[in-house]
């Protein structure tokens, strides 16, 4: 025995330190946004509700939340395609539409 350590210590299973799953708030994704494919493309409206329902151009997109992290929201639409919204510094910046294989730039709604 060294320094009062137990003889049995080496025979006992080592405790695993499990990472506490941090509760992620969806609040950074909630709000009204604009989607744009490129600088010359038409601007679409994007509204994400507190329950993470998604509306694009005032049409609800039937989808289920597949995952939520501090910087991404992944939805699975009713056709089986993913819609991924990426955030940077707690602000949504990009939407990927797997169905069309297209990335959209997300920006705050501009007053008109």
PDB file of N, CA and C in Angstrom:
ATOM      1  N   UNK A   1       0.834  -1.189   0.000  1.00  0.00           N
ATOM      2  CA  UNK A   1       0.000   0.000   0.000  1.00  0.00           C
ATOM      3  C   UNK A   1       0.876   1.249   0.000  1.00  0.00           C
ATOM      4  N   UNK A   2       0.537   2.135  -0.919  1.00  0.00           N
ATOM      5  CA  UNK A   2       1.275   3.393  -0.992  1.00  0.00           C
ATOM      6  C   UNK A   2       0.373   4.519  -0.517  1.00  0.00           C
ATOM      7  N   UNK A   3       0.902   5.317   0.328  1.00  0.00           N
ATOM      8  CA  UNK A   3       0.194   6.520   0.771  1.00  0.00           C
ATOM      9  C   UNK A   3      -1.247   6.256   1.176  1.00  0.00           C
ATOM     10  N   UNK A   4      -1.529   5.163   1.811  1.00  0.00           N
ATOM     11  CA  UNK A   4      -2.863   4.872   2.306  1.00  0.00           C
ATOM     12  C   UNK A   4      -3.851   4.434   1.240  1.00  0.00           C
ATOM     13  N   UNK A   5      -3.383   4.088   0.053  1.00  0.00           N
ATOM     14  CA  UNK A   5      -4.291   3.649  -1.001  1.00  0.00           C
ATOM     15  C   UNK A   5      -4.754   2.233  -0.711  1.00  0.00           C
ATOM     16  N   UNK A   6      -5.943   1.937  -1.028  1.00  0.00           N
ATOM     17  CA  UNK A   6      -6.527   0.626  -0.775  1.00  0.00           C
ATOM     18  C   UNK A   6      -5.961  -0.418  -1.728  1.00  0.00           C
ATOM     19  N   UNK A   7      -5.716  -1.591  -1.183  1.00  0.00           N
ATOM     20  CA  UNK A   7      -5.265  -2.730  -1.971  1.00  0.00           C
ATOM     21  C   UNK A   7      -6.318  -3.111  -3.011  1.00  0.00           C
ATOM     22  N   UNK A   8      -7.581  -2.944  -2.653  1.00  0.00           N
ATOM     23  CA  UNK A   8      -8.687  -3.357  -3.517  1.00  0.00           C
ATOM     24  C   UNK A   8      -8.950  -2.384  -4.668  1.00  0.00           C
ATOM     25  N   UNK A   9      -8.355  -1.220  -4.603  1.00  0.00           N
ATOM     26  CA  UNK A   9      -8.609  -0.207  -5.627  1.00  0.00           C
ATOM     27  C   UNK A   9      -8.367  -0.735  -7.037  1.00  0.00           C
ATOM     28  N   UNK A  10      -7.335  -1.538  -7.216  1.00  0.00           N
ATOM     29  CA  UNK A  10      -7.010  -2.050  -8.544  1.00  0.00           C
ATOM     30  C   UNK A  10      -7.984  -3.116  -9.022  1.00  0.00           C
ATOM     31  N   UNK A  11      -8.768  -3.680  -8.110  1.00  0.00           N
ATOM     32  CA  UNK A  11      -9.706  -4.734  -8.482  1.00  0.00           C
ATOM     33  C   UNK A  11     -11.125  -4.215  -8.696  1.00  0.00           C
ATOM     34  N   UNK A  12     -11.394  -3.034  -8.240  1.00  0.00           N
ATOM     35  CA  UNK A  12     -12.726  -2.463  -8.399  1.00  0.00           C
ATOM     36  C   UNK A  12     -12.848  -1.856  -9.788  1.00  0.00           C
ATOM     37  N   UNK A  13     -14.049  -1.958 -10.386  1.00  0.00           N
ATOM     38  CA  UNK A  13     -14.219  -1.356 -11.714  1.00  0.00           C
ATOM     39  C   UNK A  13     -14.037   0.155 -11.638  1.00  0.00           C
ATOM     40  N   UNK A  14     -13.391   0.677 -12.636  1.00  0.00           N
ATOM     41  CA  UNK A  14     -13.172   2.121 -12.687  1.00  0.00           C
ATOM     42  C   UNK A  14     -14.480   2.807 -13.060  1.00  0.00           C
ATOM     43  N   UNK A  15     -14.741   3.893 -12.383  1.00  0.00           N
ATOM     44  CA  UNK A  15     -15.956   4.640 -12.683  1.00  0.00           C
ATOM     45  C   UNK A  15     -15.727   5.476 -13.930  1.00  0.00           C
ATOM     46  N   UNK A  16     -16.684   5.408 -14.807  1.00  0.00           N
ATOM     47  CA  UNK A  16     -16.610   6.221 -16.018  1.00  0.00           C
ATOM     48  C   UNK A  16     -17.207   7.583 -15.716  1.00  0.00           C
ATOM     49  N   UNK A  17     -16.514   8.571 -16.166  1.00  0.00           N
ATOM     50  CA  UNK A  17     -17.034   9.923 -16.014  1.00  0.00           C
ATOM     51  C   UNK A  17     -17.877  10.219 -17.245  1.00  0.00           C
ATOM     52  N   UNK A  18     -19.174  10.200 -17.062  1.00  0.00           N
ATOM     53  CA  UNK A  18     -20.051  10.458 -18.200  1.00  0.00           C
ATOM     54  C   UNK A  18     -20.250  11.956 -18.346  1.00  0.00           C
ATOM     55  N   UNK A  19     -20.253  12.372 -19.559  1.00  0.00           N
ATOM     56  CA  UNK A  19     -20.472  13.769 -19.873  1.00  0.00           C
ATOM     57  C   UNK A  19     -21.939  14.083 -19.623  1.00  0.00           C
ATOM     58  N   UNK A  20     -22.191  15.074 -18.827  1.00  0.00           N
ATOM     59  CA  UNK A  20     -23.561  15.494 -18.579  1.00  0.00           C
ATOM     60  C   UNK A  20     -24.108  16.096 -19.868  1.00  0.00           C
ATOM     61  N   UNK A  21     -25.257  15.602 -20.305  1.00  0.00           N
ATOM     62  CA  UNK A  21     -25.824  16.162 -21.525  1.00  0.00           C
ATOM     63  C   UNK A  21     -26.388  17.542 -21.207  1.00  0.00           C
ATOM     64  N   UNK A  22     -25.836  18.512 -21.870  1.00  0.00           N
ATOM     65  CA  UNK A  22     -26.225  19.895 -21.655  1.00  0.00           C
ATOM     66  C   UNK A  22     -27.542  20.149 -22.367  1.00  0.00           C
ATOM     67  N   UNK A  23     -28.464  20.733 -21.659  1.00  0.00           N
ATOM     68  CA  UNK A  23     -29.755  21.067 -22.235  1.00  0.00           C
ATOM     69  C   UNK A  23     -29.548  22.215 -23.221  1.00  0.00           C
ATOM     70  N   UNK A  24     -29.921  21.970 -24.465  1.00  0.00           N
ATOM     71  CA  UNK A  24     -29.733  22.967 -25.517  1.00  0.00           C
ATOM     72  C   UNK A  24     -31.041  23.718 -25.721  1.00  0.00           C
ATOM     73  N   UNK A  25     -30.953  25.019 -25.721  1.00  0.00           N
ATOM     74  CA  UNK A  25     -32.135  25.843 -25.937  1.00  0.00           C
ATOM     75  C   UNK A  25     -32.309  26.123 -27.428  1.00  0.00           C
ATOM     76  N   UNK A  26     -33.519  25.907 -27.931  1.00  0.00           N
ATOM     77  CA  UNK A  26     -33.771  26.182 -29.350  1.00  0.00           C
ATOM     78  C   UNK A  26     -34.013  27.662 -29.638  1.00  0.00           C
ATOM     79  N   UNK A  27     -33.952  28.495 -28.605  1.00  0.00           N
ATOM     80  CA  UNK A  27     -34.360  29.890 -28.749  1.00  0.00           C
ATOM     81  C   UNK A  27     -33.568  30.648 -29.820  1.00  0.00           C
ATOM     82  N   UNK A  28     -32.317  30.262 -30.068  1.00  0.00           N
ATOM     83  CA  UNK A  28     -31.541  30.995 -31.085  1.00  0.00           C
ATOM     84  C   UNK A  28     -32.094  30.791 -32.488  1.00  0.00           C
ATOM     85  N   UNK A  29     -32.851  29.715 -32.696  1.00  0.00           N
ATOM     86  CA  UNK A  29     -33.405  29.433 -34.023  1.00  0.00           C
ATOM     87  C   UNK A  29     -34.784  30.064 -34.222  1.00  0.00           C
ATOM     88  N   UNK A  30     -35.442  30.413 -33.120  1.00  0.00           N
ATOM     89  CA  UNK A  30     -36.806  30.936 -33.176  1.00  0.00           C
ATOM     90  C   UNK A  30     -36.788  32.375 -33.677  1.00  0.00           C
ATOM     91  N   UNK A  31     -37.685  32.661 -34.639  1.00  0.00           N
ATOM     92  CA  UNK A  31     -37.792  34.026 -35.134  1.00  0.00           C
ATOM     93  C   UNK A  31     -38.121  34.086 -36.612  1.00  0.00           C
ATOM     94  N   UNK A  32     -38.067  35.284 -37.139  1.00  0.00           N
ATOM     95  CA  UNK A  32     -38.342  35.529 -38.560  1.00  0.00           C
ATOM     96  C   UNK A  32     -37.034  35.862 -39.256  1.00  0.00           C
ATOM     97  N   UNK A  33     -36.821  35.191 -40.381  1.00  0.00           N
ATOM     98  CA  UNK A  33     -35.563  35.310 -41.103  1.00  0.00           C
ATOM     99  C   UNK A  33     -35.835  35.429 -42.599  1.00  0.00           C
ATOM    100  N   UNK A  34     -34.795  35.723 -43.355  1.00  0.00           N
ATOM    101  CA  UNK A  34     -34.845  35.720 -44.815  1.00  0.00           C
ATOM    102  C   UNK A  34     -33.902  34.647 -45.326  1.00  0.00           C
ATOM    103  N   UNK A  35     -34.310  33.984 -46.398  1.00  0.00           N
ATOM    104  CA  UNK A  35     -33.470  32.987 -47.065  1.00  0.00           C
ATOM    105  C   UNK A  35     -33.135  33.509 -48.442  1.00  0.00           C
ATOM    106  N   UNK A  36     -31.893  33.320 -48.842  1.00  0.00           N
ATOM    107  CA  UNK A  36     -31.498  33.746 -50.180  1.00  0.00           C
ATOM    108  C   UNK A  36     -30.465  32.769 -50.721  1.00  0.00           C
ATOM    109  N   UNK A  37     -30.704  32.303 -51.954  1.00  0.00           N
ATOM    110  CA  UNK A  37     -29.797  31.352 -52.594  1.00  0.00           C
ATOM    111  C   UNK A  37     -28.508  32.035 -53.025  1.00  0.00           C
ATOM    112  N   UNK A  38     -28.615  33.200 -53.588  1.00  0.00           N
ATOM    113  CA  UNK A  38     -27.442  33.986 -53.991  1.00  0.00           C
ATOM    114  C   UNK A  38     -27.837  35.454 -53.959  1.00  0.00           C
ATOM    115  N   UNK A  39     -26.891  36.318 -54.248  1.00  0.00           N
ATOM    116  CA  UNK A  39     -27.177  37.753 -54.182  1.00  0.00           C
ATOM    117  C   UNK A  39     -28.289  38.184 -55.134  1.00  0.00           C
ATOM    118  N   UNK A  40     -28.442  37.496 -56.254  1.00  0.00           N
ATOM    119  CA  UNK A  40     -29.441  37.889 -57.244  1.00  0.00           C
ATOM    120  C   UNK A  40     -30.743  37.113 -57.126  1.00  0.00           C
ATOM    121  N   UNK A  41     -30.781  36.133 -56.264  1.00  0.00           N
ATOM    122  CA  UNK A  41     -31.954  35.263 -56.176  1.00  0.00           C
ATOM    123  C   UNK A  41     -33.074  35.913 -55.369  1.00  0.00           C
ATOM    124  N   UNK A  42     -34.236  35.375 -55.575  1.00  0.00           N
ATOM    125  CA  UNK A  42     -35.426  35.805 -54.848  1.00  0.00           C
ATOM    126  C   UNK A  42     -35.228  35.561 -53.357  1.00  0.00           C
ATOM    127  N   UNK A  43     -35.754  36.446 -52.547  1.00  0.00           N
ATOM    128  CA  UNK A  43     -35.680  36.303 -51.095  1.00  0.00           C
ATOM    129  C   UNK A  43     -36.934  35.586 -50.612  1.00  0.00           C
ATOM    130  N   UNK A  44     -36.737  34.573 -49.786  1.00  0.00           N
ATOM    131  CA  UNK A  44     -37.835  33.803 -49.201  1.00  0.00           C
ATOM    132  C   UNK A  44     -37.940  34.142 -47.723  1.00  0.00           C
ATOM    133  N   UNK A  45     -39.145  34.015 -47.182  1.00  0.00           N
ATOM    134  CA  UNK A  45     -39.305  34.231 -45.745  1.00  0.00           C
ATOM    135  C   UNK A  45     -39.176  32.894 -45.023  1.00  0.00           C
ATOM    136  N   UNK A  46     -38.577  32.935 -43.854  1.00  0.00           N
ATOM    137  CA  UNK A  46     -38.421  31.767 -42.999  1.00  0.00           C
ATOM    138  C   UNK A  46     -38.862  32.168 -41.604  1.00  0.00           C
ATOM    139  N   UNK A  47     -39.819  31.434 -41.061  1.00  0.00           N
ATOM    140  CA  UNK A  47     -40.267  31.670 -39.693  1.00  0.00           C
ATOM    141  C   UNK A  47     -40.151  30.357 -38.941  1.00  0.00           C
ATOM    142  N   UNK A  48     -39.449  30.401 -37.817  1.00  0.00           N
ATOM    143  CA  UNK A  48     -39.301  29.227 -36.961  1.00  0.00           C
ATOM    144  C   UNK A  48     -39.997  29.546 -35.646  1.00  0.00           C
ATOM    145  N   UNK A  49     -41.002  28.729 -35.322  1.00  0.00           N
ATOM    146  CA  UNK A  49     -41.782  28.951 -34.116  1.00  0.00           C
ATOM    147  C   UNK A  49     -41.116  28.394 -32.870  1.00  0.00           C
ATOM    148  N   UNK A  50     -41.641  28.750 -31.694  1.00  0.00           N
ATOM    149  CA  UNK A  50     -41.081  28.266 -30.433  1.00  0.00           C
ATOM    150  C   UNK A  50     -41.136  26.742 -30.303  1.00  0.00           C
ATOM    151  N   UNK A  51     -42.062  26.126 -31.031  1.00  0.00           N
ATOM    152  CA  UNK A  51     -42.154  24.657 -31.036  1.00  0.00           C
ATOM    153  C   UNK A  51     -41.332  24.061 -32.183  1.00  0.00           C
ATOM    154  N   UNK A  52     -40.508  24.909 -32.824  1.00  0.00           N
ATOM    155  CA  UNK A  52     -39.621  24.544 -33.938  1.00  0.00           C
ATOM    156  C   UNK A  52     -40.362  24.145 -35.209  1.00  0.00           C
ATOM    157  N   UNK A  53     -41.607  24.612 -35.347  1.00  0.00           N
ATOM    158  CA  UNK A  53     -42.285  24.465 -36.631  1.00  0.00           C
ATOM    159  C   UNK A  53     -41.627  25.444 -37.602  1.00  0.00           C
ATOM    160  N   UNK A  54     -41.545  25.029 -38.854  1.00  0.00           N
ATOM    161  CA  UNK A  54     -40.872  25.835 -39.865  1.00  0.00           C
ATOM    162  C   UNK A  54     -41.872  26.233 -40.937  1.00  0.00           C
ATOM    163  N   UNK A  55     -41.887  27.523 -41.243  1.00  0.00           N
ATOM    164  CA  UNK A  55     -42.702  28.056 -42.331  1.00  0.00           C
ATOM    165  C   UNK A  55     -41.772  28.746 -43.318  1.00  0.00           C
ATOM    166  N   UNK A  56     -41.905  28.378 -44.579  1.00  0.00           N
ATOM    167  CA  UNK A  56     -41.153  29.044 -45.638  1.00  0.00           C
ATOM    168  C   UNK A  56     -42.166  29.644 -46.595  1.00  0.00           C
ATOM    169  N   UNK A  57     -42.041  30.934 -46.819  1.00  0.00           N
ATOM    170  CA  UNK A  57     -42.992  31.670 -47.656  1.00  0.00           C
ATOM    171  C   UNK A  57     -44.429  31.416 -47.210  1.00  0.00           C
ATOM    172  N   UNK A  58     -44.642  31.464 -45.905  1.00  0.00           N
ATOM    173  CA  UNK A  58     -45.965  31.341 -45.272  1.00  0.00           C
ATOM    174  C   UNK A  58     -46.586  29.956 -45.426  1.00  0.00           C
ATOM    175  N   UNK A  59     -45.775  28.957 -45.737  1.00  0.00           N
ATOM    176  CA  UNK A  59     -46.269  27.576 -45.846  1.00  0.00           C
ATOM    177  C   UNK A  59     -45.546  26.720 -44.816  1.00  0.00           C
ATOM    178  N   UNK A  60     -46.321  26.007 -44.010  1.00  0.00           N
ATOM    179  CA  UNK A  60     -45.729  25.140 -42.998  1.00  0.00           C
ATOM    180  C   UNK A  60     -45.080  23.942 -43.665  1.00  0.00           C
ATOM    181  N   UNK A  61     -43.858  23.646 -43.265  1.00  0.00           N
ATOM    182  CA  UNK A  61     -43.126  22.485 -43.770  1.00  0.00           C
ATOM    183  C   UNK A  61     -43.311  21.366 -42.751  1.00  0.00           C
ATOM    184  N   UNK A  62     -44.074  20.318 -43.107  1.00  0.00           N
ATOM    185  CA  UNK A  62     -44.256  19.223 -42.152  1.00  0.00           C
ATOM    186  C   UNK A  62     -42.917  18.522 -41.908  1.00  0.00           C
ATOM    187  N   UNK A  63     -42.435  18.621 -40.680  1.00  0.00           N
ATOM    188  CA  UNK A  63     -41.130  18.036 -40.356  1.00  0.00           C
ATOM    189  C   UNK A  63     -41.049  17.758 -38.862  1.00  0.00           C
ATOM    190  N   UNK A  64     -40.160  16.840 -38.524  1.00  0.00           N
ATOM    191  CA  UNK A  64     -39.905  16.504 -37.126  1.00  0.00           C
ATOM    192  C   UNK A  64     -38.467  16.869 -36.792  1.00  0.00           C
ATOM    193  N   UNK A  65     -38.252  17.302 -35.562  1.00  0.00           N
ATOM    194  CA  UNK A  65     -36.899  17.613 -35.114  1.00  0.00           C
ATOM    195  C   UNK A  65     -36.135  16.304 -34.968  1.00  0.00           C
ATOM    196  N   UNK A  66     -35.032  16.199 -35.680  1.00  0.00           N
ATOM    197  CA  UNK A  66     -34.189  15.011 -35.576  1.00  0.00           C
ATOM    198  C   UNK A  66     -33.056  15.235 -34.583  1.00  0.00           C
ATOM    199  N   UNK A  67     -32.481  16.436 -34.595  1.00  0.00           N
ATOM    200  CA  UNK A  67     -31.458  16.751 -33.596  1.00  0.00           C
ATOM    201  C   UNK A  67     -31.377  18.257 -33.397  1.00  0.00           C
ATOM    202  N   UNK A  68     -30.907  18.599 -32.209  1.00  0.00           N
ATOM    203  CA  UNK A  68     -30.749  19.999 -31.846  1.00  0.00           C
ATOM    204  C   UNK A  68     -29.464  20.118 -31.043  1.00  0.00           C
ATOM    205  N   UNK A  69     -28.547  20.944 -31.521  1.00  0.00           N
ATOM    206  CA  UNK A  69     -27.320  21.228 -30.783  1.00  0.00           C
ATOM    207  C   UNK A  69     -27.222  22.740 -30.629  1.00  0.00           C
ATOM    208  N   UNK A  70     -26.160  23.176 -29.992  1.00  0.00           N
ATOM    209  CA  UNK A  70     -26.005  24.615 -29.778  1.00  0.00           C
ATOM    210  C   UNK A  70     -25.787  25.382 -31.078  1.00  0.00           C
ATOM    211  N   UNK A  71     -25.427  24.668 -32.157  1.00  0.00           N
ATOM    212  CA  UNK A  71     -25.193  25.369 -33.424  1.00  0.00           C
ATOM    213  C   UNK A  71     -25.886  24.750 -34.626  1.00  0.00           C
ATOM    214  N   UNK A  72     -26.797  23.798 -34.401  1.00  0.00           N
ATOM    215  CA  UNK A  72     -27.548  23.265 -35.546  1.00  0.00           C
ATOM    216  C   UNK A  72     -28.901  22.705 -35.126  1.00  0.00           C
ATOM    217  N   UNK A  73     -29.822  22.832 -36.041  1.00  0.00           N
ATOM    218  CA  UNK A  73     -31.159  22.263 -35.906  1.00  0.00           C
ATOM    219  C   UNK A  73     -31.377  21.415 -37.146  1.00  0.00           C
ATOM    220  N   UNK A  74     -31.612  20.123 -36.945  1.00  0.00           N
ATOM    221  CA  UNK A  74     -31.815  19.215 -38.072  1.00  0.00           C
ATOM    222  C   UNK A  74     -33.242  18.698 -38.014  1.00  0.00           C
ATOM    223  N   UNK A  75     -33.962  18.917 -39.107  1.00  0.00           N
ATOM    224  CA  UNK A  75     -35.346  18.470 -39.232  1.00  0.00           C
ATOM    225  C   UNK A  75     -35.428  17.402 -40.308  1.00  0.00           C
ATOM    226  N   UNK A  76     -36.369  16.506 -40.155  1.00  0.00           N
ATOM    227  CA  UNK A  76     -36.630  15.480 -41.160  1.00  0.00           C
ATOM    228  C   UNK A  76     -38.019  15.747 -41.716  1.00  0.00           C
ATOM    229  N   UNK A  77     -38.095  16.056 -43.020  1.00  0.00           N
ATOM    230  CA  UNK A  77     -39.403  16.371 -43.596  1.00  0.00           C
ATOM    231  C   UNK A  77     -40.187  15.097 -43.899  1.00  0.00           C
ATOM    232  N   UNK A  78     -41.419  15.268 -44.306  1.00  0.00           N
ATOM    233  CA  UNK A  78     -42.300  14.110 -44.507  1.00  0.00           C
ATOM    234  C   UNK A  78     -41.913  13.272 -45.723  1.00  0.00           C
ATOM    235  N   UNK A  79     -40.971  13.734 -46.522  1.00  0.00           N
ATOM    236  CA  UNK A  79     -40.464  12.937 -47.645  1.00  0.00           C
ATOM    237  C   UNK A  79     -39.196  12.171 -47.272  1.00  0.00           C
ATOM    238  N   UNK A  80     -38.677  12.426 -46.075  1.00  0.00           N
ATOM    239  CA  UNK A  80     -37.468  11.747 -45.624  1.00  0.00           C
ATOM    240  C   UNK A  80     -36.187  12.522 -45.882  1.00  0.00           C
ATOM    241  N   UNK A  81     -36.307  13.785 -46.265  1.00  0.00           N
ATOM    242  CA  UNK A  81     -35.136  14.630 -46.505  1.00  0.00           C
ATOM    243  C   UNK A  81     -34.854  15.506 -45.282  1.00  0.00           C
ATOM    244  N   UNK A  82     -33.598  15.848 -45.111  1.00  0.00           N
ATOM    245  CA  UNK A  82     -33.198  16.692 -43.994  1.00  0.00           C
ATOM    246  C   UNK A  82     -33.189  18.166 -44.381  1.00  0.00           C
ATOM    247  N   UNK A  83     -33.573  18.973 -43.429  1.00  0.00           N
ATOM    248  CA  UNK A  83     -33.424  20.419 -43.506  1.00  0.00           C
ATOM    249  C   UNK A  83     -32.533  20.770 -42.325  1.00  0.00           C
ATOM    250  N   UNK A  84     -31.361  21.307 -42.622  1.00  0.00           N
ATOM    251  CA  UNK A  84     -30.394  21.598 -41.568  1.00  0.00           C
ATOM    252  C   UNK A  84     -30.163  23.099 -41.484  1.00  0.00           C
ATOM    253  N   UNK A  85     -30.355  23.633 -40.296  1.00  0.00           N
ATOM    254  CA  UNK A  85     -30.126  25.053 -40.065  1.00  0.00           C
ATOM    255  C   UNK A  85     -28.900  25.177 -39.165  1.00  0.00           C
ATOM    256  N   UNK A  86     -27.891  25.876 -39.675  1.00  0.00           N
ATOM    257  CA  UNK A  86     -26.637  26.069 -38.938  1.00  0.00           C
ATOM    258  C   UNK A  86     -26.614  27.464 -38.328  1.00  0.00           C
ATOM    259  N   UNK A  87     -26.076  27.558 -37.129  1.00  0.00           N
ATOM    260  CA  UNK A  87     -25.928  28.848 -36.456  1.00  0.00           C
ATOM    261  C   UNK A  87     -24.448  29.133 -36.218  1.00  0.00           C
ATOM    262  N   UNK A  88     -24.143  30.408 -36.143  1.00  0.00           N
ATOM    263  CA  UNK A  88     -22.793  30.853 -35.821  1.00  0.00           C
ATOM    264  C   UNK A  88     -22.938  32.000 -34.826  1.00  0.00           C
ATOM    265  N   UNK A  89     -22.258  31.899 -33.698  1.00  0.00           N
ATOM    266  CA  UNK A  89     -22.387  32.914 -32.643  1.00  0.00           C
ATOM    267  C   UNK A  89     -23.845  33.129 -32.246  1.00  0.00           C
ATOM    268  N   UNK A  90     -24.567  32.035 -32.090  1.00  0.00           N
ATOM    269  CA  UNK A  90     -25.968  32.039 -31.638  1.00  0.00           C
ATOM    270  C   UNK A  90     -26.930  32.728 -32.601  1.00  0.00           C
ATOM    271  N   UNK A  91     -26.581  32.763 -33.880  1.00  0.00           N
ATOM    272  CA  UNK A  91     -27.459  33.344 -34.898  1.00  0.00           C
ATOM    273  C   UNK A  91     -27.512  32.394 -36.089  1.00  0.00           C
ATOM    274  N   UNK A  92     -28.728  32.018 -36.552  1.00  0.00           N
ATOM    275  CA  UNK A  92     -28.817  31.167 -37.745  1.00  0.00           C
ATOM    276  C   UNK A  92     -28.178  31.869 -38.946  1.00  0.00           C
ATOM    277  N   UNK A  93     -27.354  31.115 -39.692  1.00  0.00           N
ATOM    278  CA  UNK A  93     -26.646  31.726 -40.825  1.00  0.00           C
ATOM    279  C   UNK A  93     -26.830  30.960 -42.133  1.00  0.00           C
ATOM    280  N   UNK A  94     -27.254  29.693 -42.046  1.00  0.00           N
ATOM    281  CA  UNK A  94     -27.333  28.882 -43.262  1.00  0.00           C
ATOM    282  C   UNK A  94     -28.388  27.792 -43.112  1.00  0.00           C
ATOM    283  N   UNK A  95     -29.109  27.541 -44.198  1.00  0.00           N
ATOM    284  CA  UNK A  95     -30.068  26.446 -44.259  1.00  0.00           C
ATOM    285  C   UNK A  95     -29.673  25.552 -45.420  1.00  0.00           C
ATOM    286  N   UNK A  96     -29.578  24.255 -45.148  1.00  0.00           N
ATOM    287  CA  UNK A  96     -29.299  23.284 -46.204  1.00  0.00           C
ATOM    288  C   UNK A  96     -30.558  22.472 -46.439  1.00  0.00           C
ATOM    289  N   UNK A  97     -31.021  22.455 -47.681  1.00  0.00           N
ATOM    290  CA  UNK A  97     -32.186  21.677 -48.093  1.00  0.00           C
ATOM    291  C   UNK A  97     -31.677  20.449 -48.837  1.00  0.00           C
ATOM    292  N   UNK A  98     -31.716  19.304 -48.157  1.00  0.00           N
ATOM    293  CA  UNK A  98     -31.193  18.074 -48.750  1.00  0.00           C
ATOM    294  C   UNK A  98     -31.978  17.660 -49.991  1.00  0.00           C
ATOM    295  N   UNK A  99     -33.273  17.924 -50.024  1.00  0.00           N
ATOM    296  CA  UNK A  99     -34.109  17.519 -51.157  1.00  0.00           C
ATOM    297  C   UNK A  99     -33.619  18.146 -52.461  1.00  0.00           C
ATOM    298  N   UNK A 100     -33.243  19.408 -52.401  1.00  0.00           N
ATOM    299  CA  UNK A 100     -32.770  20.118 -53.595  1.00  0.00           C
ATOM    300  C   UNK A 100     -31.252  20.255 -53.634  1.00  0.00           C
ATOM    301  N   UNK A 101     -30.577  19.768 -52.591  1.00  0.00           N
ATOM    302  CA  UNK A 101     -29.120  19.869 -52.472  1.00  0.00           C
ATOM    303  C   UNK A 101     -28.677  21.322 -52.635  1.00  0.00           C
ATOM    304  N   UNK A 102     -29.321  22.205 -51.855  1.00  0.00           N
ATOM    305  CA  UNK A 102     -29.099  23.641 -51.979  1.00  0.00           C
ATOM    306  C   UNK A 102     -28.841  24.248 -50.596  1.00  0.00           C
ATOM    307  N   UNK A 103     -27.880  25.168 -50.551  1.00  0.00           N
ATOM    308  CA  UNK A 103     -27.604  25.952 -49.351  1.00  0.00           C
ATOM    309  C   UNK A 103     -28.186  27.348 -49.521  1.00  0.00           C
ATOM    310  N   UNK A 104     -28.870  27.824 -48.492  1.00  0.00           N
ATOM    311  CA  UNK A 104     -29.403  29.181 -48.479  1.00  0.00           C
ATOM    312  C   UNK A 104     -28.700  29.974 -47.385  1.00  0.00           C
ATOM    313  N   UNK A 105     -28.474  31.241 -47.646  1.00  0.00           N
ATOM    314  CA  UNK A 105     -27.953  32.144 -46.626  1.00  0.00           C
ATOM    315  C   UNK A 105     -29.141  32.655 -45.825  1.00  0.00           C
ATOM    316  N   UNK A 106     -29.017  32.624 -44.508  1.00  0.00           N
ATOM    317  CA  UNK A 106     -30.062  33.136 -43.623  1.00  0.00           C
ATOM    318  C   UNK A 106     -29.604  34.491 -43.103  1.00  0.00           C
ATOM    319  N   UNK A 107     -30.520  35.454 -43.148  1.00  0.00           N
ATOM    320  CA  UNK A 107     -30.217  36.774 -42.597  1.00  0.00           C
ATOM    321  C   UNK A 107     -31.456  37.289 -41.872  1.00  0.00           C
ATOM    322  N   UNK A 108     -31.268  38.255 -40.975  1.00  0.00           N
ATOM    323  CA  UNK A 108     -32.426  38.824 -40.282  1.00  0.00           C
ATOM    324  C   UNK A 108     -33.367  39.496 -41.272  1.00  0.00           C
ATOM    325  N   UNK A 109     -34.624  39.560 -40.922  1.00  0.00           N
ATOM    326  CA  UNK A 109     -35.618  40.222 -41.771  1.00  0.00           C
ATOM    327  C   UNK A 109     -35.282  41.704 -41.833  1.00  0.00           C
ATOM    328  N   UNK A 110     -35.274  42.246 -43.041  1.00  0.00           N
ATOM    329  CA  UNK A 110     -35.004  43.670 -43.247  1.00  0.00           C
ATOM    330  C   UNK A 110     -36.321  44.427 -43.274  1.00  0.00           C
ATOM    331  N   UNK A 111     -36.368  45.544 -42.561  1.00  0.00           N
ATOM    332  CA  UNK A 111     -37.568  46.386 -42.610  1.00  0.00           C
ATOM    333  C   UNK A 111     -37.688  47.000 -43.998  1.00  0.00           C
ATOM    334  N   UNK A 112     -38.927  47.070 -44.476  1.00  0.00           N
ATOM    335  CA  UNK A 112     -39.125  47.581 -45.834  1.00  0.00           C
ATOM    336  C   UNK A 112     -39.779  48.920 -45.832  1.00  0.00           C
TER     337      UNK A 112
END
